[in-house]
Amino acid sequence: MNVHSQITWRTEFPDSARILDTMSTHSLRAEPRTIEILESIKAVFASKGFEGASMQDLSRAAGMSAGNFYRYFPSKNAIIEAMVQRDLEEVQVEFTLIMQSPYPLETFREVIRHRIEMPHEDHGPIWAEIEANAARRPEIASLMHRMEAEITSNLVAVFARIAGIGADNAERRFSAHARLILMLIQGLTIRSGCFAASGIREPDRDLAALVMTTIERTLADIAAFAPIAAQQPKV
């Protein structure tokens, strides 16, 4: 989000503008030391991959002995699970802000735009690695499935509020919308990670703009349903 759009957002939607400040200061359930370790080893995973990075490499990056490192993470699967859980907690902060906002559609739009225009530099390589591992390890695939189900459920809840309908009705009407938006964001993130692994870090701005346009059209479909729904009893 550029400076002009941030100023406009804060002026027109001051309550929802909290998201600009909150998305970088998430309140997470994980212990501070665990979060510190995860941050310190991301670069190793991004450069060597999950298969190439040894537990010794990771403990060294964390500034710990191998034995102490194993106390926090007994396996690479445990590391992946912790990374997924941390991302879920960050996403949940965003969904809470959206649901509490008096302008849920506008707030949701800005959350998505923020993720597309200002991505975390290390998210792409990390998630590309996690997806690759999910194709080889059933336990990681199951973890990813649970994560996607939770995010999709939150998206449907947001769409229910935007459209002014009940949860069951929103599930029937908008679950595909939710999966589409999640697929677009995931695809863009993982694609950037694959290129970053090859040393190409320049974002594909045209593709990002097209993804945002597609999401805007999807949101327009949901928002257009609101006046009709208002005339009908909620499920």
C-alpha atoms as a PDB file:
ATOM      1  CA  MET A   1       0.000   0.000   0.000  1.00  0.00           C
ATOM      2  CA  ASN A   2       1.527   3.364  -0.993  1.00  0.00           C
ATOM      3  CA  VAL A   3       1.654   6.451   1.225  1.00  0.00           C
ATOM      4  CA  HIS A   4      -1.290   8.118  -0.515  1.00  0.00           C
ATOM      5  CA  SER A   5      -3.564   5.096  -0.116  1.00  0.00           C
ATOM      6  CA  GLN A   6      -2.558   4.769   3.551  1.00  0.00           C
ATOM      7  CA  ILE A   7      -3.481   8.421   4.202  1.00  0.00           C
ATOM      8  CA  THR A   8      -6.778   8.004   2.338  1.00  0.00           C
ATOM      9  CA  TRP A   9      -7.566   4.821   4.257  1.00  0.00           C
ATOM     10  CA  ARG A  10      -6.828   6.380   7.632  1.00  0.00           C
ATOM     11  CA  THR A  11      -8.943   9.429   6.762  1.00  0.00           C
ATOM     12  CA  GLU A  12     -12.000   7.639   5.362  1.00  0.00           C
ATOM     13  CA  PHE A  13     -11.970   4.533   7.579  1.00  0.00           C
ATOM     14  CA  PRO A  14     -10.211   5.517  10.828  1.00  0.00           C
ATOM     15  CA  ASP A  15     -11.542   2.549  12.844  1.00  0.00           C
ATOM     16  CA  SER A  16     -10.415   0.018  10.276  1.00  0.00           C
ATOM     17  CA  ALA A  17      -7.052   1.747   9.818  1.00  0.00           C
ATOM     18  CA  ARG A  18      -5.847  -0.133  12.887  1.00  0.00           C
ATOM     19  CA  ILE A  19      -5.034  -2.987  10.547  1.00  0.00           C
ATOM     20  CA  LEU A  20      -2.057  -1.100   9.121  1.00  0.00           C
ATOM     21  CA  ASP A  21      -0.518  -0.960  12.576  1.00  0.00           C
ATOM     22  CA  THR A  22      -1.634  -4.360  13.856  1.00  0.00           C
ATOM     23  CA  MET A  23      -0.526  -6.587  10.978  1.00  0.00           C
ATOM     24  CA  SER A  24       3.139  -6.051  11.886  1.00  0.00           C
ATOM     25  CA  THR A  25       2.650  -6.449  15.657  1.00  0.00           C
ATOM     26  CA  HIS A  26       0.663  -9.652  15.996  1.00  0.00           C
ATOM     27  CA  SER A  27      -0.135 -11.014  19.436  1.00  0.00           C
ATOM     28  CA  LEU A  28       0.810 -14.672  19.108  1.00  0.00           C
ATOM     29  CA  ARG A  29       0.316 -17.551  21.489  1.00  0.00           C
ATOM     30  CA  ALA A  30       3.774 -18.991  20.863  1.00  0.00           C
ATOM     31  CA  GLU A  31       6.534 -18.297  23.373  1.00  0.00           C
ATOM     32  CA  PRO A  32       8.766 -15.347  22.409  1.00  0.00           C
ATOM     33  CA  ARG A  33      11.815 -17.639  22.275  1.00  0.00           C
ATOM     34  CA  THR A  34      10.036 -20.007  19.887  1.00  0.00           C
ATOM     35  CA  ILE A  35       9.129 -17.115  17.606  1.00  0.00           C
ATOM     36  CA  GLU A  36      12.719 -15.853  17.769  1.00  0.00           C
ATOM     37  CA  ILE A  37      14.037 -19.265  16.717  1.00  0.00           C
ATOM     38  CA  LEU A  38      11.579 -19.541  13.831  1.00  0.00           C
ATOM     39  CA  GLU A  39      12.617 -16.115  12.564  1.00  0.00           C
ATOM     40  CA  SER A  40      16.310 -16.967  12.798  1.00  0.00           C
ATOM     41  CA  ILE A  41      16.054 -20.188  10.764  1.00  0.00           C
ATOM     42  CA  LYS A  42      13.840 -18.939   7.943  1.00  0.00           C
ATOM     43  CA  ALA A  43      16.800 -17.802   5.858  1.00  0.00           C
ATOM     44  CA  VAL A  44      18.384 -21.265   6.123  1.00  0.00           C
ATOM     45  CA  PHE A  45      15.227 -22.967   4.891  1.00  0.00           C
ATOM     46  CA  ALA A  46      14.832 -20.400   2.122  1.00  0.00           C
ATOM     47  CA  SER A  47      18.402 -20.887   0.873  1.00  0.00           C
ATOM     48  CA  LYS A  48      18.914 -24.640   1.411  1.00  0.00           C
ATOM     49  CA  GLY A  49      15.364 -25.979   1.408  1.00  0.00           C
ATOM     50  CA  PHE A  50      13.822 -28.281   3.990  1.00  0.00           C
ATOM     51  CA  GLU A  51      15.666 -31.298   2.658  1.00  0.00           C
ATOM     52  CA  GLY A  52      19.016 -29.560   2.324  1.00  0.00           C
ATOM     53  CA  ALA A  53      19.007 -27.816   5.696  1.00  0.00           C
ATOM     54  CA  SER A  54      20.271 -30.077   8.462  1.00  0.00           C
ATOM     55  CA  MET A  55      19.223 -29.762  12.077  1.00  0.00           C
ATOM     56  CA  GLN A  56      22.819 -28.705  12.754  1.00  0.00           C
ATOM     57  CA  ASP A  57      22.465 -25.890  10.191  1.00  0.00           C
ATOM     58  CA  LEU A  58      19.265 -24.779  11.876  1.00  0.00           C
ATOM     59  CA  SER A  59      20.575 -24.908  15.435  1.00  0.00           C
ATOM     60  CA  ARG A  60      23.656 -22.960  14.328  1.00  0.00           C
ATOM     61  CA  ALA A  61      21.467 -20.275  12.720  1.00  0.00           C
ATOM     62  CA  ALA A  62      19.474 -20.047  15.946  1.00  0.00           C
ATOM     63  CA  GLY A  63      22.664 -19.670  17.964  1.00  0.00           C
ATOM     64  CA  MET A  64      21.919 -22.793  19.989  1.00  0.00           C
ATOM     65  CA  SER A  65      23.441 -26.152  20.654  1.00  0.00           C
ATOM     66  CA  ALA A  66      21.859 -29.032  18.733  1.00  0.00           C
ATOM     67  CA  GLY A  67      20.613 -30.570  21.977  1.00  0.00           C
ATOM     68  CA  ASN A  68      18.895 -27.377  23.088  1.00  0.00           C
ATOM     69  CA  PHE A  69      17.415 -26.876  19.621  1.00  0.00           C
ATOM     70  CA  TYR A  70      15.864 -30.358  19.727  1.00  0.00           C
ATOM     71  CA  ARG A  71      14.090 -29.391  22.954  1.00  0.00           C
ATOM     72  CA  TYR A  72      12.101 -26.829  20.960  1.00  0.00           C
ATOM     73  CA  PHE A  73      11.817 -28.710  17.677  1.00  0.00           C
ATOM     74  CA  PRO A  74      12.435 -32.467  17.729  1.00  0.00           C
ATOM     75  CA  SER A  75      12.010 -32.753  13.943  1.00  0.00           C
ATOM     76  CA  LYS A  76      11.641 -30.751  10.754  1.00  0.00           C
ATOM     77  CA  ASN A  77       7.950 -31.646  10.723  1.00  0.00           C
ATOM     78  CA  ALA A  78       7.643 -29.937  14.114  1.00  0.00           C
ATOM     79  CA  ILE A  79       9.247 -26.836  12.610  1.00  0.00           C
ATOM     80  CA  ILE A  80       6.810 -26.823   9.694  1.00  0.00           C
ATOM     81  CA  GLU A  81       3.889 -27.271  12.073  1.00  0.00           C
ATOM     82  CA  ALA A  82       5.089 -24.329  14.173  1.00  0.00           C
ATOM     83  CA  MET A  83       5.465 -22.137  11.082  1.00  0.00           C
ATOM     84  CA  VAL A  84       1.981 -23.035   9.873  1.00  0.00           C
ATOM     85  CA  GLN A  85       0.526 -22.378  13.321  1.00  0.00           C
ATOM     86  CA  ARG A  86       2.232 -19.018  13.529  1.00  0.00           C
ATOM     87  CA  ASP A  87       0.889 -17.968  10.134  1.00  0.00           C
ATOM     88  CA  LEU A  88      -2.590 -19.105  11.175  1.00  0.00           C
ATOM     89  CA  GLU A  89      -2.403 -16.947  14.276  1.00  0.00           C
ATOM     90  CA  GLU A  90      -1.311 -13.952  12.194  1.00  0.00           C
ATOM     91  CA  VAL A  91      -4.176 -14.512   9.764  1.00  0.00           C
ATOM     92  CA  GLN A  92      -6.617 -14.826  12.660  1.00  0.00           C
ATOM     93  CA  VAL A  93      -5.595 -11.363  13.875  1.00  0.00           C
ATOM     94  CA  GLU A  94      -6.514 -10.001  10.463  1.00  0.00           C
ATOM     95  CA  PHE A  95      -9.871 -11.792  10.406  1.00  0.00           C
ATOM     96  CA  THR A  96     -10.682 -10.485  13.888  1.00  0.00           C
ATOM     97  CA  LEU A  97     -10.013  -6.921  12.749  1.00  0.00           C
ATOM     98  CA  ILE A  98     -12.196  -7.425   9.688  1.00  0.00           C
ATOM     99  CA  MET A  99     -15.102  -8.859  11.665  1.00  0.00           C
ATOM    100  CA  GLN A 100     -14.889  -6.067  14.253  1.00  0.00           C
ATOM    101  CA  SER A 101     -14.657  -3.322  11.631  1.00  0.00           C
ATOM    102  CA  PRO A 102     -17.727  -1.192  10.809  1.00  0.00           C
ATOM    103  CA  TYR A 103     -16.558  -1.470   7.189  1.00  0.00           C
ATOM    104  CA  PRO A 104     -15.811  -5.196   6.730  1.00  0.00           C
ATOM    105  CA  LEU A 105     -15.696  -5.112   2.927  1.00  0.00           C
ATOM    106  CA  GLU A 106     -13.297  -2.164   2.795  1.00  0.00           C
ATOM    107  CA  THR A 107     -11.141  -3.605   5.559  1.00  0.00           C
ATOM    108  CA  PHE A 108     -10.995  -7.013   3.875  1.00  0.00           C
ATOM    109  CA  ARG A 109     -10.036  -5.371   0.595  1.00  0.00           C
ATOM    110  CA  GLU A 110      -7.158  -3.535   2.275  1.00  0.00           C
ATOM    111  CA  VAL A 111      -5.943  -6.698   4.015  1.00  0.00           C
ATOM    112  CA  ILE A 112      -5.757  -8.470   0.661  1.00  0.00           C
ATOM    113  CA  ARG A 113      -4.115  -5.510  -1.060  1.00  0.00           C
ATOM    114  CA  HIS A 114      -1.566  -5.298   1.740  1.00  0.00           C
ATOM    115  CA  ARG A 115      -0.700  -8.996   1.327  1.00  0.00           C
ATOM    116  CA  ILE A 116      -0.338  -8.648  -2.446  1.00  0.00           C
ATOM    117  CA  GLU A 117       1.524  -5.333  -2.608  1.00  0.00           C
ATOM    118  CA  MET A 118       3.657  -5.682   0.537  1.00  0.00           C
ATOM    119  CA  PRO A 119       4.438  -9.400   0.927  1.00  0.00           C
ATOM    120  CA  HIS A 120       6.896 -10.701   3.510  1.00  0.00           C
ATOM    121  CA  GLU A 121      10.126 -11.310   1.625  1.00  0.00           C
ATOM    122  CA  ASP A 122      10.645 -14.752   3.146  1.00  0.00           C
ATOM    123  CA  HIS A 123       7.072 -16.023   2.855  1.00  0.00           C
ATOM    124  CA  GLY A 124       7.389 -17.034  -0.780  1.00  0.00           C
ATOM    125  CA  PRO A 125      10.433 -19.306  -0.447  1.00  0.00           C
ATOM    126  CA  ILE A 126       9.185 -20.816   2.812  1.00  0.00           C
ATOM    127  CA  TRP A 127       5.710 -21.642   1.502  1.00  0.00           C
ATOM    128  CA  ALA A 128       7.117 -22.987  -1.748  1.00  0.00           C
ATOM    129  CA  GLU A 129       9.161 -25.409   0.375  1.00  0.00           C
ATOM    130  CA  ILE A 130       6.177 -26.334   2.558  1.00  0.00           C
ATOM    131  CA  GLU A 131       4.028 -27.045  -0.508  1.00  0.00           C
ATOM    132  CA  ALA A 132       6.784 -29.200  -2.011  1.00  0.00           C
ATOM    133  CA  ASN A 133       7.000 -31.188   1.225  1.00  0.00           C
ATOM    134  CA  ALA A 134       3.222 -31.583   1.325  1.00  0.00           C
ATOM    135  CA  ALA A 135       3.433 -33.441  -1.988  1.00  0.00           C
ATOM    136  CA  ARG A 136       5.860 -35.946  -0.450  1.00  0.00           C
ATOM    137  CA  ARG A 137       4.753 -36.195   3.171  1.00  0.00           C
ATOM    138  CA  PRO A 138       1.143 -37.085   4.047  1.00  0.00           C
ATOM    139  CA  GLU A 139       1.450 -35.546   7.503  1.00  0.00           C
ATOM    140  CA  ILE A 140       2.411 -32.175   6.003  1.00  0.00           C
ATOM    141  CA  ALA A 141      -0.369 -32.465   3.412  1.00  0.00           C
ATOM    142  CA  SER A 142      -2.852 -33.070   6.241  1.00  0.00           C
ATOM    143  CA  LEU A 143      -1.522 -30.033   8.098  1.00  0.00           C
ATOM    144  CA  MET A 144      -1.898 -27.862   5.000  1.00  0.00           C
ATOM    145  CA  HIS A 145      -5.428 -29.163   4.451  1.00  0.00           C
ATOM    146  CA  ARG A 146      -6.403 -28.171   7.995  1.00  0.00           C
ATOM    147  CA  MET A 147      -4.865 -24.743   7.529  1.00  0.00           C
ATOM    148  CA  GLU A 148      -6.716 -24.141   4.276  1.00  0.00           C
ATOM    149  CA  ALA A 149      -9.986 -25.331   5.823  1.00  0.00           C
ATOM    150  CA  GLU A 150      -9.602 -22.906   8.726  1.00  0.00           C
ATOM    151  CA  ILE A 151      -8.806 -19.960   6.472  1.00  0.00           C
ATOM    152  CA  THR A 152     -11.684 -20.827   4.135  1.00  0.00           C
ATOM    153  CA  SER A 153     -14.059 -20.995   7.100  1.00  0.00           C
ATOM    154  CA  ASN A 154     -12.941 -17.535   8.223  1.00  0.00           C
ATOM    155  CA  LEU A 155     -13.366 -16.159   4.704  1.00  0.00           C
ATOM    156  CA  VAL A 156     -16.921 -17.499   4.511  1.00  0.00           C
ATOM    157  CA  ALA A 157     -17.696 -15.871   7.875  1.00  0.00           C
ATOM    158  CA  VAL A 158     -16.448 -12.531   6.516  1.00  0.00           C
ATOM    159  CA  PHE A 159     -18.542 -12.939   3.372  1.00  0.00           C
ATOM    160  CA  ALA A 160     -21.596 -13.747   5.486  1.00  0.00           C
ATOM    161  CA  ARG A 161     -21.199 -10.445   7.302  1.00  0.00           C
ATOM    162  CA  ILE A 162     -20.604  -8.499   4.092  1.00  0.00           C
ATOM    163  CA  ALA A 163     -23.692 -10.018   2.430  1.00  0.00           C
ATOM    164  CA  GLY A 164     -25.814  -9.886   5.589  1.00  0.00           C
ATOM    165  CA  ILE A 165     -26.758 -13.570   5.535  1.00  0.00           C
ATOM    166  CA  GLY A 166     -26.445 -16.514   7.892  1.00  0.00           C
ATOM    167  CA  ALA A 167     -23.451 -18.812   8.113  1.00  0.00           C
ATOM    168  CA  ASP A 168     -25.118 -21.816   6.462  1.00  0.00           C
ATOM    169  CA  ASN A 169     -26.381 -19.723   3.575  1.00  0.00           C
ATOM    170  CA  ALA A 170     -22.948 -18.132   3.133  1.00  0.00           C
ATOM    171  CA  GLU A 171     -21.303 -21.560   3.128  1.00  0.00           C
ATOM    172  CA  ARG A 172     -23.548 -22.690   0.273  1.00  0.00           C
ATOM    173  CA  ARG A 173     -23.174 -19.515  -1.756  1.00  0.00           C
ATOM    174  CA  PHE A 174     -19.606 -18.365  -1.105  1.00  0.00           C
ATOM    175  CA  SER A 175     -17.394 -21.347  -0.261  1.00  0.00           C
ATOM    176  CA  ALA A 176     -16.129 -21.445  -3.856  1.00  0.00           C
ATOM    177  CA  HIS A 177     -15.430 -17.694  -3.687  1.00  0.00           C
ATOM    178  CA  ALA A 178     -13.381 -18.291  -0.550  1.00  0.00           C
ATOM    179  CA  ARG A 179     -11.403 -21.125  -2.118  1.00  0.00           C
ATOM    180  CA  LEU A 180     -10.716 -19.032  -5.221  1.00  0.00           C
ATOM    181  CA  ILE A 181      -9.331 -16.112  -3.226  1.00  0.00           C
ATOM    182  CA  LEU A 182      -7.189 -18.419  -1.103  1.00  0.00           C
ATOM    183  CA  MET A 183      -5.882 -20.183  -4.220  1.00  0.00           C
ATOM    184  CA  LEU A 184      -4.955 -16.871  -5.872  1.00  0.00           C
ATOM    185  CA  ILE A 185      -3.074 -15.579  -2.829  1.00  0.00           C
ATOM    186  CA  GLN A 186      -1.315 -18.897  -2.244  1.00  0.00           C
ATOM    187  CA  GLY A 187      -0.395 -19.235  -5.906  1.00  0.00           C
ATOM    188  CA  LEU A 188       1.065 -15.745  -6.087  1.00  0.00           C
ATOM    189  CA  THR A 189       3.036 -16.278  -2.873  1.00  0.00           C
ATOM    190  CA  ILE A 190       4.430 -19.657  -3.907  1.00  0.00           C
ATOM    191  CA  ARG A 191       5.248 -18.462  -7.425  1.00  0.00           C
ATOM    192  CA  SER A 192       7.277 -15.574  -6.016  1.00  0.00           C
ATOM    193  CA  GLY A 193       9.027 -18.088  -3.747  1.00  0.00           C
ATOM    194  CA  CYS A 194      10.002 -20.309  -6.653  1.00  0.00           C
ATOM    195  CA  PHE A 195      11.519 -17.377  -8.527  1.00  0.00           C
ATOM    196  CA  ALA A 196      13.227 -16.066  -5.379  1.00  0.00           C
ATOM    197  CA  ALA A 197      14.921 -19.447  -4.986  1.00  0.00           C
ATOM    198  CA  SER A 198      16.458 -18.862  -8.425  1.00  0.00           C
ATOM    199  CA  GLY A 199      17.697 -15.421  -7.432  1.00  0.00           C
ATOM    200  CA  ILE A 200      14.858 -13.502  -9.120  1.00  0.00           C
ATOM    201  CA  ARG A 201      13.299 -11.233  -6.518  1.00  0.00           C
ATOM    202  CA  GLU A 202      11.628  -8.609  -8.698  1.00  0.00           C
ATOM    203  CA  PRO A 203       7.857  -9.002  -8.145  1.00  0.00           C
ATOM    204  CA  ASP A 204       5.584  -9.630 -11.106  1.00  0.00           C
ATOM    205  CA  ARG A 205       3.542  -6.463 -10.691  1.00  0.00           C
ATOM    206  CA  ASP A 206       1.312  -7.081 -13.701  1.00  0.00           C
ATOM    207  CA  LEU A 207       0.322 -10.507 -12.399  1.00  0.00           C
ATOM    208  CA  ALA A 208      -0.221  -9.124  -8.887  1.00  0.00           C
ATOM    209  CA  ALA A 209      -2.459  -6.407 -10.308  1.00  0.00           C
ATOM    210  CA  LEU A 210      -4.474  -8.983 -12.249  1.00  0.00           C
ATOM    211  CA  VAL A 211      -4.873 -11.121  -9.118  1.00  0.00           C
ATOM    212  CA  MET A 212      -6.137  -8.076  -7.225  1.00  0.00           C
ATOM    213  CA  THR A 213      -8.564  -7.261 -10.036  1.00  0.00           C
ATOM    214  CA  THR A 214      -9.911 -10.827  -9.994  1.00  0.00           C
ATOM    215  CA  ILE A 215     -10.381 -10.670  -6.233  1.00  0.00           C
ATOM    216  CA  GLU A 216     -12.139  -7.302  -6.557  1.00  0.00           C
ATOM    217  CA  ARG A 217     -14.594  -8.847  -9.021  1.00  0.00           C
ATOM    218  CA  THR A 218     -15.188 -11.756  -6.653  1.00  0.00           C
ATOM    219  CA  LEU A 219     -15.862  -9.347  -3.796  1.00  0.00           C
ATOM    220  CA  ALA A 220     -18.216  -7.384  -6.030  1.00  0.00           C
ATOM    221  CA  ASP A 221     -20.267 -10.547  -6.545  1.00  0.00           C
ATOM    222  CA  ILE A 222     -20.537 -10.983  -2.796  1.00  0.00           C
ATOM    223  CA  ALA A 223     -21.323  -7.331  -2.073  1.00  0.00           C
ATOM    224  CA  ALA A 224     -23.970  -7.263  -4.825  1.00  0.00           C
ATOM    225  CA  PHE A 225     -25.843  -9.995  -2.986  1.00  0.00           C
ATOM    226  CA  ALA A 226     -26.319  -7.837   0.122  1.00  0.00           C
ATOM    227  CA  PRO A 227     -29.362  -5.786  -1.005  1.00  0.00           C
ATOM    228  CA  ILE A 228     -31.173  -8.952  -2.095  1.00  0.00           C
ATOM    229  CA  ALA A 229     -30.309 -10.756   1.115  1.00  0.00           C
ATOM    230  CA  ALA A 230     -31.594  -7.854   3.183  1.00  0.00           C
ATOM    231  CA  GLN A 231     -35.091  -8.509   1.878  1.00  0.00           C
ATOM    232  CA  GLN A 232     -35.016 -12.188   2.782  1.00  0.00           C
ATOM    233  CA  PRO A 233     -35.034 -13.933   6.157  1.00  0.00           C
ATOM    234  CA  LYS A 234     -31.608 -15.029   7.349  1.00  0.00           C
ATOM    235  CA  VAL A 235     -30.910 -18.770   7.401  1.00  0.00           C
END
